[in-house]
Amino acid sequence: MKQPKKIIFYTLIGLSVFGIFIFAFGIINIMVSLKYETDNSSDCLSVVTGQDLCFTIQVLKGLIIACFATIVILFVFRKRFFNEI
């Protein structure tokens, strides 16, 4: 029964690390949109799509924090995760 727990553990860590890079790339992409799709530098609404780009950046930052917290929690509780009950 130990193998499935290892698979789940390493899959969650891998997805979290991958998520951090994907969400960081998303923030860079949205910042480019902020530069070219808004009228003023202080605007957050895209002229092209009408999307609130500042809100999207905040959501992506929250997702990066959630991925980082998942990694930390998994490493803190890894012994408990692998111990048989």
PDB file of N, CA and C in Angstrom:
ATOM      1  N   MET A   1       0.827  -1.203   0.000  1.00  0.00           N
ATOM      2  CA  MET A   1       0.000   0.000   0.000  1.00  0.00           C
ATOM      3  C   MET A   1       0.865   1.257   0.000  1.00  0.00           C
ATOM      4  N   LYS A   2       2.179   1.076   0.097  1.00  0.00           N
ATOM      5  CA  LYS A   2       3.067   2.226   0.164  1.00  0.00           C
ATOM      6  C   LYS A   2       3.273   2.882  -1.202  1.00  0.00           C
ATOM      7  N   GLN A   3       3.248   2.113  -2.276  1.00  0.00           N
ATOM      8  CA  GLN A   3       3.500   2.652  -3.614  1.00  0.00           C
ATOM      9  C   GLN A   3       2.488   3.716  -4.036  1.00  0.00           C
ATOM     10  N   PRO A   4       1.168   3.489  -3.889  1.00  0.00           N
ATOM     11  CA  PRO A   4       0.230   4.544  -4.313  1.00  0.00           C
ATOM     12  C   PRO A   4       0.428   5.861  -3.566  1.00  0.00           C
ATOM     13  N   LYS A   5       0.818   5.785  -2.297  1.00  0.00           N
ATOM     14  CA  LYS A   5       1.056   7.019  -1.546  1.00  0.00           C
ATOM     15  C   LYS A   5       2.252   7.777  -2.107  1.00  0.00           C
ATOM     16  N   LYS A   6       3.305   7.041  -2.496  1.00  0.00           N
ATOM     17  CA  LYS A   6       4.468   7.695  -3.102  1.00  0.00           C
ATOM     18  C   LYS A   6       4.095   8.341  -4.426  1.00  0.00           C
ATOM     19  N   ILE A   7       3.306   7.649  -5.213  1.00  0.00           N
ATOM     20  CA  ILE A   7       2.895   8.182  -6.511  1.00  0.00           C
ATOM     21  C   ILE A   7       2.088   9.458  -6.323  1.00  0.00           C
ATOM     22  N   ILE A   8       1.153   9.445  -5.386  1.00  0.00           N
ATOM     23  CA  ILE A   8       0.335  10.637  -5.125  1.00  0.00           C
ATOM     24  C   ILE A   8       1.207  11.780  -4.606  1.00  0.00           C
ATOM     25  N   PHE A   9       2.105  11.472  -3.695  1.00  0.00           N
ATOM     26  CA  PHE A   9       2.988  12.489  -3.104  1.00  0.00           C
ATOM     27  C   PHE A   9       3.817  13.180  -4.179  1.00  0.00           C
ATOM     28  N   TYR A  10       4.512  12.394  -4.990  1.00  0.00           N
ATOM     29  CA  TYR A  10       5.381  12.985  -6.005  1.00  0.00           C
ATOM     30  C   TYR A  10       4.593  13.628  -7.147  1.00  0.00           C
ATOM     31  N   THR A  11       3.418  13.129  -7.423  1.00  0.00           N
ATOM     32  CA  THR A  11       2.567  13.760  -8.434  1.00  0.00           C
ATOM     33  C   THR A  11       2.112  15.140  -7.966  1.00  0.00           C
ATOM     34  N   LEU A  12       1.707  15.245  -6.704  1.00  0.00           N
ATOM     35  CA  LEU A  12       1.289  16.549  -6.176  1.00  0.00           C
ATOM     36  C   LEU A  12       2.435  17.546  -6.167  1.00  0.00           C
ATOM     37  N   ILE A  13       3.622  17.082  -5.795  1.00  0.00           N
ATOM     38  CA  ILE A  13       4.783  17.983  -5.804  1.00  0.00           C
ATOM     39  C   ILE A  13       5.106  18.398  -7.238  1.00  0.00           C
ATOM     40  N   GLY A  14       5.099  17.461  -8.157  1.00  0.00           N
ATOM     41  CA  GLY A  14       5.387  17.781  -9.558  1.00  0.00           C
ATOM     42  C   GLY A  14       4.382  18.748 -10.148  1.00  0.00           C
ATOM     43  N   LEU A  15       3.095  18.509  -9.882  1.00  0.00           N
ATOM     44  CA  LEU A  15       2.068  19.421 -10.400  1.00  0.00           C
ATOM     45  C   LEU A  15       2.194  20.813  -9.777  1.00  0.00           C
ATOM     46  N   SER A  16       2.552  20.875  -8.508  1.00  0.00           N
ATOM     47  CA  SER A  16       2.700  22.181  -7.857  1.00  0.00           C
ATOM     48  C   SER A  16       3.885  22.960  -8.425  1.00  0.00           C
ATOM     49  N   VAL A  17       5.002  22.285  -8.631  1.00  0.00           N
ATOM     50  CA  VAL A  17       6.173  22.954  -9.214  1.00  0.00           C
ATOM     51  C   VAL A  17       5.858  23.397 -10.639  1.00  0.00           C
ATOM     52  N   PHE A  18       5.237  22.516 -11.403  1.00  0.00           N
ATOM     53  CA  PHE A  18       4.846  22.853 -12.776  1.00  0.00           C
ATOM     54  C   PHE A  18       3.863  24.019 -12.778  1.00  0.00           C
ATOM     55  N   GLY A  19       2.926  24.018 -11.824  1.00  0.00           N
ATOM     56  CA  GLY A  19       1.944  25.095 -11.719  1.00  0.00           C
ATOM     57  C   GLY A  19       2.584  26.433 -11.433  1.00  0.00           C
ATOM     58  N   ILE A  20       3.602  26.445 -10.588  1.00  0.00           N
ATOM     59  CA  ILE A  20       4.289  27.701 -10.280  1.00  0.00           C
ATOM     60  C   ILE A  20       4.868  28.309 -11.552  1.00  0.00           C
ATOM     61  N   PHE A  21       5.524  27.484 -12.368  1.00  0.00           N
ATOM     62  CA  PHE A  21       6.109  28.010 -13.605  1.00  0.00           C
ATOM     63  C   PHE A  21       5.039  28.456 -14.596  1.00  0.00           C
ATOM     64  N   ILE A  22       3.962  27.693 -14.722  1.00  0.00           N
ATOM     65  CA  ILE A  22       2.892  28.051 -15.654  1.00  0.00           C
ATOM     66  C   ILE A  22       2.203  29.340 -15.218  1.00  0.00           C
ATOM     67  N   PHE A  23       1.904  29.474 -13.933  1.00  0.00           N
ATOM     68  CA  PHE A  23       1.227  30.677 -13.452  1.00  0.00           C
ATOM     69  C   PHE A  23       2.141  31.901 -13.533  1.00  0.00           C
ATOM     70  N   ALA A  24       3.447  31.716 -13.308  1.00  0.00           N
ATOM     71  CA  ALA A  24       4.388  32.836 -13.464  1.00  0.00           C
ATOM     72  C   ALA A  24       4.435  33.277 -14.922  1.00  0.00           C
ATOM     73  N   PHE A  25       4.441  32.315 -15.842  1.00  0.00           N
ATOM     74  CA  PHE A  25       4.395  32.667 -17.262  1.00  0.00           C
ATOM     75  C   PHE A  25       3.096  33.394 -17.594  1.00  0.00           C
ATOM     76  N   GLY A  26       1.998  32.981 -16.964  1.00  0.00           N
ATOM     77  CA  GLY A  26       0.714  33.654 -17.170  1.00  0.00           C
ATOM     78  C   GLY A  26       0.754  35.100 -16.709  1.00  0.00           C
ATOM     79  N   ILE A  27       1.428  35.358 -15.592  1.00  0.00           N
ATOM     80  CA  ILE A  27       1.553  36.740 -15.105  1.00  0.00           C
ATOM     81  C   ILE A  27       2.340  37.575 -16.099  1.00  0.00           C
ATOM     82  N   ILE A  28       3.429  37.029 -16.620  1.00  0.00           N
ATOM     83  CA  ILE A  28       4.213  37.757 -17.623  1.00  0.00           C
ATOM     84  C   ILE A  28       3.359  38.042 -18.855  1.00  0.00           C
ATOM     85  N   ASN A  29       2.578  37.063 -19.274  1.00  0.00           N
ATOM     86  CA  ASN A  29       1.711  37.229 -20.434  1.00  0.00           C
ATOM     87  C   ASN A  29       0.664  38.321 -20.196  1.00  0.00           C
ATOM     88  N   ILE A  30       0.065  38.343 -19.027  1.00  0.00           N
ATOM     89  CA  ILE A  30      -0.936  39.362 -18.701  1.00  0.00           C
ATOM     90  C   ILE A  30      -0.291  40.736 -18.599  1.00  0.00           C
ATOM     91  N   MET A  31       0.944  40.809 -18.108  1.00  0.00           N
ATOM     92  CA  MET A  31       1.626  42.101 -18.035  1.00  0.00           C
ATOM     93  C   MET A  31       1.895  42.666 -19.425  1.00  0.00           C
ATOM     94  N   VAL A  32       2.189  41.800 -20.384  1.00  0.00           N
ATOM     95  CA  VAL A  32       2.335  42.247 -21.770  1.00  0.00           C
ATOM     96  C   VAL A  32       0.996  42.768 -22.279  1.00  0.00           C
ATOM     97  N   SER A  33      -0.078  42.063 -21.929  1.00  0.00           N
ATOM     98  CA  SER A  33      -1.411  42.531 -22.319  1.00  0.00           C
ATOM     99  C   SER A  33      -1.722  43.876 -21.684  1.00  0.00           C
ATOM    100  N   LEU A  34      -1.304  44.067 -20.429  1.00  0.00           N
ATOM    101  CA  LEU A  34      -1.519  45.365 -19.776  1.00  0.00           C
ATOM    102  C   LEU A  34      -0.834  46.483 -20.542  1.00  0.00           C
ATOM    103  N   LYS A  35       0.333  46.193 -21.094  1.00  0.00           N
ATOM    104  CA  LYS A  35       1.085  47.225 -21.805  1.00  0.00           C
ATOM    105  C   LYS A  35       0.435  47.579 -23.142  1.00  0.00           C
ATOM    106  N   TYR A  36      -0.014  46.565 -23.876  1.00  0.00           N
ATOM    107  CA  TYR A  36      -0.462  46.805 -25.245  1.00  0.00           C
ATOM    108  C   TYR A  36      -1.980  46.858 -25.424  1.00  0.00           C
ATOM    109  N   GLU A  37      -2.764  46.402 -24.457  1.00  0.00           N
ATOM    110  CA  GLU A  37      -4.207  46.352 -24.644  1.00  0.00           C
ATOM    111  C   GLU A  37      -4.967  47.365 -23.804  1.00  0.00           C
ATOM    112  N   THR A  38      -4.273  48.272 -23.115  1.00  0.00           N
ATOM    113  CA  THR A  38      -4.957  49.293 -22.324  1.00  0.00           C
ATOM    114  C   THR A  38      -4.619  50.679 -22.872  1.00  0.00           C
ATOM    115  N   ASP A  39      -5.519  51.609 -22.596  1.00  0.00           N
ATOM    116  CA  ASP A  39      -5.306  52.974 -23.077  1.00  0.00           C
ATOM    117  C   ASP A  39      -4.252  53.712 -22.253  1.00  0.00           C
ATOM    118  N   ASN A  40      -4.363  53.648 -20.940  1.00  0.00           N
ATOM    119  CA  ASN A  40      -3.415  54.313 -20.038  1.00  0.00           C
ATOM    120  C   ASN A  40      -2.644  53.257 -19.255  1.00  0.00           C
ATOM    121  N   SER A  41      -1.533  53.670 -18.685  1.00  0.00           N
ATOM    122  CA  SER A  41      -0.744  52.721 -17.897  1.00  0.00           C
ATOM    123  C   SER A  41      -1.431  52.375 -16.574  1.00  0.00           C
ATOM    124  N   SER A  42      -2.373  53.203 -16.133  1.00  0.00           N
ATOM    125  CA  SER A  42      -3.068  52.944 -14.875  1.00  0.00           C
ATOM    126  C   SER A  42      -4.358  52.152 -15.064  1.00  0.00           C
ATOM    127  N   ASP A  43      -4.769  51.910 -16.313  1.00  0.00           N
ATOM    128  CA  ASP A  43      -5.989  51.148 -16.582  1.00  0.00           C
ATOM    129  C   ASP A  43      -5.743  49.664 -16.396  1.00  0.00           C
ATOM    130  N   CYS A  44      -6.790  48.951 -16.035  1.00  0.00           N
ATOM    131  CA  CYS A  44      -6.699  47.502 -15.876  1.00  0.00           C
ATOM    132  C   CYS A  44      -7.610  46.759 -16.839  1.00  0.00           C
ATOM    133  N   LEU A  45      -8.542  47.459 -17.466  1.00  0.00           N
ATOM    134  CA  LEU A  45      -9.465  46.806 -18.387  1.00  0.00           C
ATOM    135  C   LEU A  45      -8.874  46.761 -19.790  1.00  0.00           C
ATOM    136  N   SER A  46      -8.914  45.570 -20.363  1.00  0.00           N
ATOM    137  CA  SER A  46      -8.410  45.389 -21.718  1.00  0.00           C
ATOM    138  C   SER A  46      -9.391  45.988 -22.708  1.00  0.00           C
ATOM    139  N   VAL A  47      -8.864  46.749 -23.663  1.00  0.00           N
ATOM    140  CA  VAL A  47      -9.697  47.328 -24.713  1.00  0.00           C
ATOM    141  C   VAL A  47     -10.145  46.228 -25.675  1.00  0.00           C
ATOM    142  N   VAL A  48      -9.329  45.208 -25.854  1.00  0.00           N
ATOM    143  CA  VAL A  48      -9.612  44.132 -26.808  1.00  0.00           C
ATOM    144  C   VAL A  48     -10.679  43.179 -26.273  1.00  0.00           C
ATOM    145  N   THR A  49     -10.497  42.674 -25.048  1.00  0.00           N
ATOM    146  CA  THR A  49     -11.400  41.652 -24.517  1.00  0.00           C
ATOM    147  C   THR A  49     -12.351  42.179 -23.448  1.00  0.00           C
ATOM    148  N   GLY A  50     -12.048  43.313 -22.840  1.00  0.00           N
ATOM    149  CA  GLY A  50     -12.868  43.835 -21.760  1.00  0.00           C
ATOM    150  C   GLY A  50     -12.596  43.157 -20.426  1.00  0.00           C
ATOM    151  N   GLN A  51     -11.570  42.328 -20.366  1.00  0.00           N
ATOM    152  CA  GLN A  51     -11.223  41.580 -19.170  1.00  0.00           C
ATOM    153  C   GLN A  51     -10.445  42.462 -18.195  1.00  0.00           C
ATOM    154  N   ASP A  52     -10.712  42.278 -16.896  1.00  0.00           N
ATOM    155  CA  ASP A  52      -9.958  42.987 -15.858  1.00  0.00           C
ATOM    156  C   ASP A  52      -8.623  42.273 -15.670  1.00  0.00           C
ATOM    157  N   LEU A  53      -7.568  42.828 -16.232  1.00  0.00           N
ATOM    158  CA  LEU A  53      -6.263  42.187 -16.232  1.00  0.00           C
ATOM    159  C   LEU A  53      -5.606  42.202 -14.851  1.00  0.00           C
ATOM    160  N   CYS A  54      -5.866  43.230 -14.054  1.00  0.00           N
ATOM    161  CA  CYS A  54      -5.289  43.296 -12.706  1.00  0.00           C
ATOM    162  C   CYS A  54      -5.864  42.192 -11.822  1.00  0.00           C
ATOM    163  N   PHE A  55      -7.159  41.893 -11.981  1.00  0.00           N
ATOM    164  CA  PHE A  55      -7.771  40.814 -11.220  1.00  0.00           C
ATOM    165  C   PHE A  55      -7.167  39.465 -11.617  1.00  0.00           C
ATOM    166  N   THR A  56      -6.915  39.289 -12.900  1.00  0.00           N
ATOM    167  CA  THR A  56      -6.313  38.046 -13.378  1.00  0.00           C
ATOM    168  C   THR A  56      -4.922  37.861 -12.791  1.00  0.00           C
ATOM    169  N   ILE A  57      -4.147  38.927 -12.703  1.00  0.00           N
ATOM    170  CA  ILE A  57      -2.812  38.852 -12.096  1.00  0.00           C
ATOM    171  C   ILE A  57      -2.924  38.471 -10.621  1.00  0.00           C
ATOM    172  N   GLN A  58      -3.896  39.040  -9.908  1.00  0.00           N
ATOM    173  CA  GLN A  58      -4.078  38.712  -8.496  1.00  0.00           C
ATOM    174  C   GLN A  58      -4.462  37.240  -8.314  1.00  0.00           C
ATOM    175  N   VAL A  59      -5.307  36.716  -9.198  1.00  0.00           N
ATOM    176  CA  VAL A  59      -5.688  35.304  -9.126  1.00  0.00           C
ATOM    177  C   VAL A  59      -4.478  34.407  -9.372  1.00  0.00           C
ATOM    178  N   LEU A  60      -3.668  34.749 -10.360  1.00  0.00           N
ATOM    179  CA  LEU A  60      -2.478  33.944 -10.650  1.00  0.00           C
ATOM    180  C   LEU A  60      -1.476  33.987  -9.499  1.00  0.00           C
ATOM    181  N   LYS A  61      -1.338  35.141  -8.847  1.00  0.00           N
ATOM    182  CA  LYS A  61      -0.467  35.236  -7.674  1.00  0.00           C
ATOM    183  C   LYS A  61      -0.986  34.340  -6.553  1.00  0.00           C
ATOM    184  N   GLY A  62      -2.297  34.320  -6.363  1.00  0.00           N
ATOM    185  CA  GLY A  62      -2.898  33.445  -5.351  1.00  0.00           C
ATOM    186  C   GLY A  62      -2.668  31.979  -5.658  1.00  0.00           C
ATOM    187  N   LEU A  63      -2.730  31.615  -6.930  1.00  0.00           N
ATOM    188  CA  LEU A  63      -2.484  30.231  -7.317  1.00  0.00           C
ATOM    189  C   LEU A  63      -1.023  29.833  -7.104  1.00  0.00           C
ATOM    190  N   ILE A  64      -0.101  30.765  -7.351  1.00  0.00           N
ATOM    191  CA  ILE A  64       1.314  30.495  -7.078  1.00  0.00           C
ATOM    192  C   ILE A  64       1.525  30.278  -5.584  1.00  0.00           C
ATOM    193  N   ILE A  65       0.897  31.092  -4.756  1.00  0.00           N
ATOM    194  CA  ILE A  65       1.012  30.936  -3.303  1.00  0.00           C
ATOM    195  C   ILE A  65       0.418  29.594  -2.870  1.00  0.00           C
ATOM    196  N   ALA A  66      -0.711  29.193  -3.467  1.00  0.00           N
ATOM    197  CA  ALA A  66      -1.333  27.906  -3.131  1.00  0.00           C
ATOM    198  C   ALA A  66      -0.420  26.744  -3.518  1.00  0.00           C
ATOM    199  N   CYS A  67       0.217  26.826  -4.673  1.00  0.00           N
ATOM    200  CA  CYS A  67       1.149  25.770  -5.097  1.00  0.00           C
ATOM    201  C   CYS A  67       2.350  25.700  -4.159  1.00  0.00           C
ATOM    202  N   PHE A  68       2.882  26.845  -3.795  1.00  0.00           N
ATOM    203  CA  PHE A  68       4.021  26.880  -2.881  1.00  0.00           C
ATOM    204  C   PHE A  68       3.629  26.319  -1.516  1.00  0.00           C
ATOM    205  N   ALA A  69       2.440  26.687  -1.032  1.00  0.00           N
ATOM    206  CA  ALA A  69       1.964  26.177   0.257  1.00  0.00           C
ATOM    207  C   ALA A  69       1.765  24.664   0.201  1.00  0.00           C
ATOM    208  N   THR A  70       1.287  24.154  -0.922  1.00  0.00           N
ATOM    209  CA  THR A  70       1.118  22.707  -1.084  1.00  0.00           C
ATOM    210  C   THR A  70       2.456  21.997  -0.978  1.00  0.00           C
ATOM    211  N   ILE A  71       3.480  22.539  -1.619  1.00  0.00           N
ATOM    212  CA  ILE A  71       4.814  21.937  -1.555  1.00  0.00           C
ATOM    213  C   ILE A  71       5.335  21.947  -0.124  1.00  0.00           C
ATOM    214  N   VAL A  72       5.194  23.068   0.565  1.00  0.00           N
ATOM    215  CA  VAL A  72       5.679  23.169   1.940  1.00  0.00           C
ATOM    216  C   VAL A  72       4.934  22.191   2.845  1.00  0.00           C
ATOM    217  N   ILE A  73       3.624  22.132   2.725  1.00  0.00           N
ATOM    218  CA  ILE A  73       2.827  21.226   3.559  1.00  0.00           C
ATOM    219  C   ILE A  73       3.199  19.773   3.295  1.00  0.00           C
ATOM    220  N   LEU A  74       3.398  19.421   2.029  1.00  0.00           N
ATOM    221  CA  LEU A  74       3.777  18.045   1.713  1.00  0.00           C
ATOM    222  C   LEU A  74       5.141  17.696   2.292  1.00  0.00           C
ATOM    223  N   PHE A  75       6.091  18.617   2.238  1.00  0.00           N
ATOM    224  CA  PHE A  75       7.403  18.330   2.805  1.00  0.00           C
ATOM    225  C   PHE A  75       7.380  18.283   4.331  1.00  0.00           C
ATOM    226  N   VAL A  76       6.562  19.114   4.952  1.00  0.00           N
ATOM    227  CA  VAL A  76       6.478  19.108   6.410  1.00  0.00           C
ATOM    228  C   VAL A  76       5.855  17.796   6.898  1.00  0.00           C
ATOM    229  N   PHE A  77       4.823  17.316   6.208  1.00  0.00           N
ATOM    230  CA  PHE A  77       4.102  16.122   6.645  1.00  0.00           C
ATOM    231  C   PHE A  77       4.478  14.870   5.864  1.00  0.00           C
ATOM    232  N   ARG A  78       5.634  14.854   5.222  1.00  0.00           N
ATOM    233  CA  ARG A  78       5.987  13.709   4.389  1.00  0.00           C
ATOM    234  C   ARG A  78       6.179  12.432   5.190  1.00  0.00           C
ATOM    235  N   LYS A  79       6.707  12.514   6.384  1.00  0.00           N
ATOM    236  CA  LYS A  79       6.868  11.311   7.204  1.00  0.00           C
ATOM    237  C   LYS A  79       5.525  10.739   7.620  1.00  0.00           C
ATOM    238  N   ARG A  80       4.611  11.612   7.977  1.00  0.00           N
ATOM    239  CA  ARG A  80       3.274  11.165   8.337  1.00  0.00           C
ATOM    240  C   ARG A  80       2.542  10.619   7.106  1.00  0.00           C
ATOM    241  N   PHE A  81       2.815  11.186   5.972  1.00  0.00           N
ATOM    242  CA  PHE A  81       2.178  10.753   4.726  1.00  0.00           C
ATOM    243  C   PHE A  81       2.598   9.338   4.352  1.00  0.00           C
ATOM    244  N   PHE A  82       3.851   8.989   4.602  1.00  0.00           N
ATOM    245  CA  PHE A  82       4.356   7.687   4.201  1.00  0.00           C
ATOM    246  C   PHE A  82       4.215   6.622   5.283  1.00  0.00           C
ATOM    247  N   ASN A  83       3.963   7.006   6.535  1.00  0.00           N
ATOM    248  CA  ASN A  83       3.820   6.016   7.597  1.00  0.00           C
ATOM    249  C   ASN A  83       2.512   5.259   7.445  1.00  0.00           C
ATOM    250  N   GLU A  84       2.581   3.978   7.707  1.00  0.00           N
ATOM    251  CA  GLU A  84       1.378   3.149   7.693  1.00  0.00           C
ATOM    252  C   GLU A  84       0.615   3.396   8.982  1.00  0.00           C
ATOM    253  N   ILE A  85      -0.679   3.460   8.875  1.00  0.00           N
ATOM    254  CA  ILE A  85      -1.526   3.710  10.071  1.00  0.00           C
ATOM    255  C   ILE A  85      -2.108   2.388  10.530  1.00  0.00           C
TER     256      ILE A  85
END
